[in-house]
Protein backbone atom coordinates (compact mmCIF):
# COMPACT_ATOMS: atom_id res chain seq x y z
CA MET A 1 -43.43 14.80 36.45
CA LYS A 2 -43.10 13.24 32.90
CA ASN A 3 -42.58 9.85 34.29
CA ILE A 4 -45.75 10.10 36.48
CA PHE A 5 -47.76 11.31 33.29
CA TRP A 6 -46.41 8.45 30.98
CA GLY A 7 -46.67 5.77 33.81
CA SER A 8 -50.33 6.90 34.31
CA LEU A 9 -50.84 6.64 30.72
CA VAL A 10 -49.50 3.07 30.43
CA ILE A 11 -51.70 1.91 33.37
CA CYS A 12 -54.83 3.48 31.96
CA PHE A 13 -54.30 1.76 28.74
CA ALA A 14 -53.55 -1.56 30.27
CA PHE A 15 -56.60 -1.23 32.30
CA LEU A 16 -58.79 -0.62 29.17
CA SER A 17 -57.25 -3.38 27.14
CA CYS A 18 -58.15 -5.99 29.87
CA ARG A 19 -61.94 -5.28 29.87
CA ASN A 20 -64.06 -8.24 28.79
CA ASP A 21 -66.72 -7.40 26.14
CA ASP A 22 -68.53 -10.65 25.44
CA ASP A 23 -71.58 -9.02 24.21
CA SER A 24 -69.76 -8.05 20.96
CA ILE A 25 -68.89 -11.46 19.87
CA GLN A 26 -70.94 -12.79 16.89
CA LYS A 27 -71.49 -16.46 16.62
CA ILE A 28 -70.53 -17.78 13.30
CA ASP A 29 -72.19 -21.01 12.12
CA GLN A 30 -71.66 -21.39 8.33
CA ILE A 31 -70.36 -24.88 8.07
CA PHE A 32 -72.69 -27.60 6.80
CA ASN A 33 -72.21 -31.26 5.92
CA LEU A 34 -73.96 -32.78 2.81
CA TYR A 35 -74.51 -36.51 2.85
CA MET A 36 -75.86 -38.40 -0.25
CA LYS A 37 -77.20 -41.70 -0.44
CA ASN A 38 -79.50 -43.87 -2.60
CA SER A 39 -82.91 -45.24 -1.49
CA ALA A 40 -81.20 -48.48 -0.38
CA GLY A 41 -79.07 -46.32 2.07
CA GLN A 42 -75.85 -46.77 0.02
CA ASP A 43 -73.24 -43.90 0.42
CA LEU A 44 -73.09 -42.19 -3.02
CA LEU A 45 -70.06 -40.25 -2.25
CA ASN A 46 -67.71 -43.31 -1.73
CA SER A 47 -66.27 -43.76 -5.27
CA LYS A 48 -65.02 -47.25 -4.27
CA LYS A 49 -68.60 -48.54 -4.11
CA GLU A 50 -70.26 -49.54 -7.35
CA GLY A 51 -72.93 -47.13 -8.39
CA SER A 52 -71.56 -44.10 -6.52
CA TYR A 53 -70.15 -40.84 -7.87
CA THR A 54 -66.61 -41.02 -8.99
CA ASN A 55 -66.05 -37.24 -9.40
CA ILE A 56 -67.72 -34.14 -7.79
CA THR A 57 -67.18 -30.54 -8.74
CA MET A 58 -68.81 -27.38 -7.33
CA ASN A 59 -69.17 -24.05 -9.18
CA ASP A 60 -70.37 -20.73 -7.82
CA ILE A 61 -73.38 -19.57 -10.05
CA ASN A 62 -73.13 -16.17 -8.57
CA GLY A 63 -69.34 -16.00 -9.38
CA LEU A 64 -67.59 -13.32 -11.06
CA SER A 65 -66.85 -15.45 -14.06
CA ASP A 66 -68.58 -18.63 -15.78
CA THR A 67 -66.06 -20.96 -14.15
CA ALA A 68 -65.91 -20.04 -10.41
CA PRO A 69 -64.83 -23.39 -8.48
CA VAL A 70 -66.08 -23.73 -4.95
CA SER A 71 -63.85 -25.43 -2.53
CA PHE A 72 -65.06 -28.31 -0.29
CA SER A 73 -63.71 -31.19 1.67
CA LEU A 74 -64.75 -34.76 1.43
CA LYS A 75 -64.67 -36.17 4.90
CA ALA A 76 -65.71 -39.58 6.51
CA THR A 77 -67.43 -40.32 9.80
CA ALA A 78 -66.16 -42.92 12.20
CA ASP A 79 -68.20 -45.70 10.26
CA SER A 80 -66.58 -44.40 6.99
CA THR A 81 -69.66 -42.82 5.51
CA LEU A 82 -68.43 -40.03 3.27
CA TYR A 83 -69.73 -36.29 3.33
CA ILE A 84 -69.02 -33.05 1.63
CA GLU A 85 -68.07 -30.47 4.19
CA TYR A 86 -68.75 -26.89 2.86
CA ILE A 87 -67.39 -24.14 4.84
CA ALA A 88 -67.55 -21.10 2.50
CA GLY A 89 -66.34 -19.99 -0.95
CA ALA A 90 -69.42 -19.15 -2.97
CA ARG A 91 -70.30 -15.55 -3.32
CA ARG A 92 -73.16 -14.39 -1.23
CA VAL A 93 -75.75 -12.12 -2.51
CA THR A 94 -78.07 -10.10 -0.27
CA LEU A 95 -81.76 -11.25 -0.65
CA ASP A 96 -83.06 -8.74 1.71
CA SER A 97 -81.93 -6.33 4.24
CA ILE A 98 -85.11 -5.03 5.88
CA SER A 99 -83.19 -3.68 8.70
CA PRO A 100 -79.53 -3.04 9.35
CA GLU A 101 -79.87 -5.57 12.25
CA ASP A 102 -81.44 -8.36 10.10
CA ARG A 103 -80.37 -9.59 6.65
CA THR A 104 -80.58 -12.70 4.43
CA TYR A 105 -77.92 -13.74 1.99
CA GLU A 106 -77.93 -16.53 -0.56
CA SER A 107 -75.31 -18.55 -2.32
CA ARG A 108 -76.11 -20.70 -5.26
CA ILE A 109 -73.83 -23.57 -6.39
CA THR A 110 -73.91 -26.23 -9.22
CA LEU A 111 -72.83 -29.69 -8.29
CA ALA A 112 -71.68 -31.56 -11.23
CA LEU A 113 -71.79 -35.45 -10.08
CA THR A 114 -70.06 -37.94 -12.37
CA LYS A 115 -71.03 -41.63 -12.10
CA LYS A 116 -69.22 -44.44 -13.96
CA ILE A 117 -71.78 -46.48 -15.90
CA ASN A 118 -69.24 -48.85 -17.60
CA GLU A 119 -65.40 -48.62 -18.87
CA THR A 120 -66.41 -46.28 -21.57
CA THR A 121 -69.22 -44.24 -20.39
CA ASN A 122 -69.88 -41.81 -17.61
CA GLU A 123 -72.98 -40.08 -16.55
CA VAL A 124 -72.98 -36.44 -15.35
CA THR A 125 -75.72 -34.96 -13.17
CA ASN A 126 -76.00 -31.29 -12.61
CA ASP A 127 -77.82 -30.37 -9.60
CA THR A 128 -78.10 -26.99 -7.71
CA LEU A 129 -77.54 -26.13 -4.21
CA LYS A 130 -78.84 -23.01 -2.71
CA ILE A 131 -77.91 -21.88 0.79
CA GLN A 132 -79.55 -19.13 2.76
CA TYR A 133 -77.77 -17.38 5.47
CA HIS A 134 -79.32 -15.24 8.36
CA TRP A 135 -77.09 -12.22 9.57
CA SER A 136 -77.88 -10.31 12.82
CA PRO A 137 -75.48 -8.59 15.12
CA VAL A 138 -75.35 -11.86 17.40
CA ALA A 139 -75.22 -14.61 14.74
CA PHE A 140 -74.20 -15.35 11.18
CA GLU A 141 -75.57 -18.71 10.35
CA VAL A 142 -76.89 -21.10 7.65
CA SER A 143 -80.53 -20.83 7.92
CA LYS A 144 -81.99 -22.91 4.94
CA VAL A 145 -80.73 -25.16 2.28
CA PHE A 146 -82.49 -26.02 -0.99
CA TYR A 147 -81.35 -28.84 -3.21
CA ASN A 148 -82.81 -28.69 -6.79
CA ASN A 149 -85.21 -26.04 -5.35
CA VAL A 150 -86.53 -28.39 -2.83
CA GLN A 151 -86.06 -27.24 0.89
CA VAL A 152 -84.00 -29.95 2.53
CA PHE A 153 -82.78 -28.08 5.68
CA VAL A 154 -83.98 -25.38 8.07
CA LYS A 155 -81.70 -24.26 11.03
CA GLU A 156 -82.48 -25.34 14.42
CA PRO A 157 -80.69 -23.99 17.37
CA ASN A 158 -77.71 -25.82 18.84
CA ILE A 159 -78.10 -28.54 16.13
CA PRO A 160 -75.23 -29.25 13.58
CA ASN A 161 -76.14 -28.21 10.06
CA VAL A 162 -76.50 -31.63 8.33
CA VAL A 163 -78.18 -32.09 5.09
CA THR A 164 -78.97 -35.63 3.62
CA ILE A 165 -80.00 -36.21 0.06
CA VAL A 166 -81.57 -39.26 -1.19
CA LYS A 167 -81.27 -39.93 -4.83
């Protein structure tokens, strides 16, 4: 009798663990690519090209300390155009949470962009990147991106998150 009870219990648990609950899967879309070019179309992230940035650092404005580096990857497209791939890392602050089913979060990051002027002089530009995220039970995604307080990106469904800055 004990064996029948335990056998039935194992079969019941096996049956419950095999159910498919696709409705509970939340879509995560928080990666975006940041391209920088000048007005002539030159890639400013390729340090091998004259007039481009030789060093890039990112720091979390909302970080727990004054120095809160944000990680990013410098990647290249098939035609060797470089871009910053930002996945996550900056602290997200709640902007609004009108309902428990709909929230907006924001990360703020400073970008220190160093450009070599000549052998002894570097020019550092400090810019601000603000990323807004939309959270709902079905999706967590980048919704807007601001560069130096100018909106440069608004999320469109099923389109990659690509931001191009012309400096």
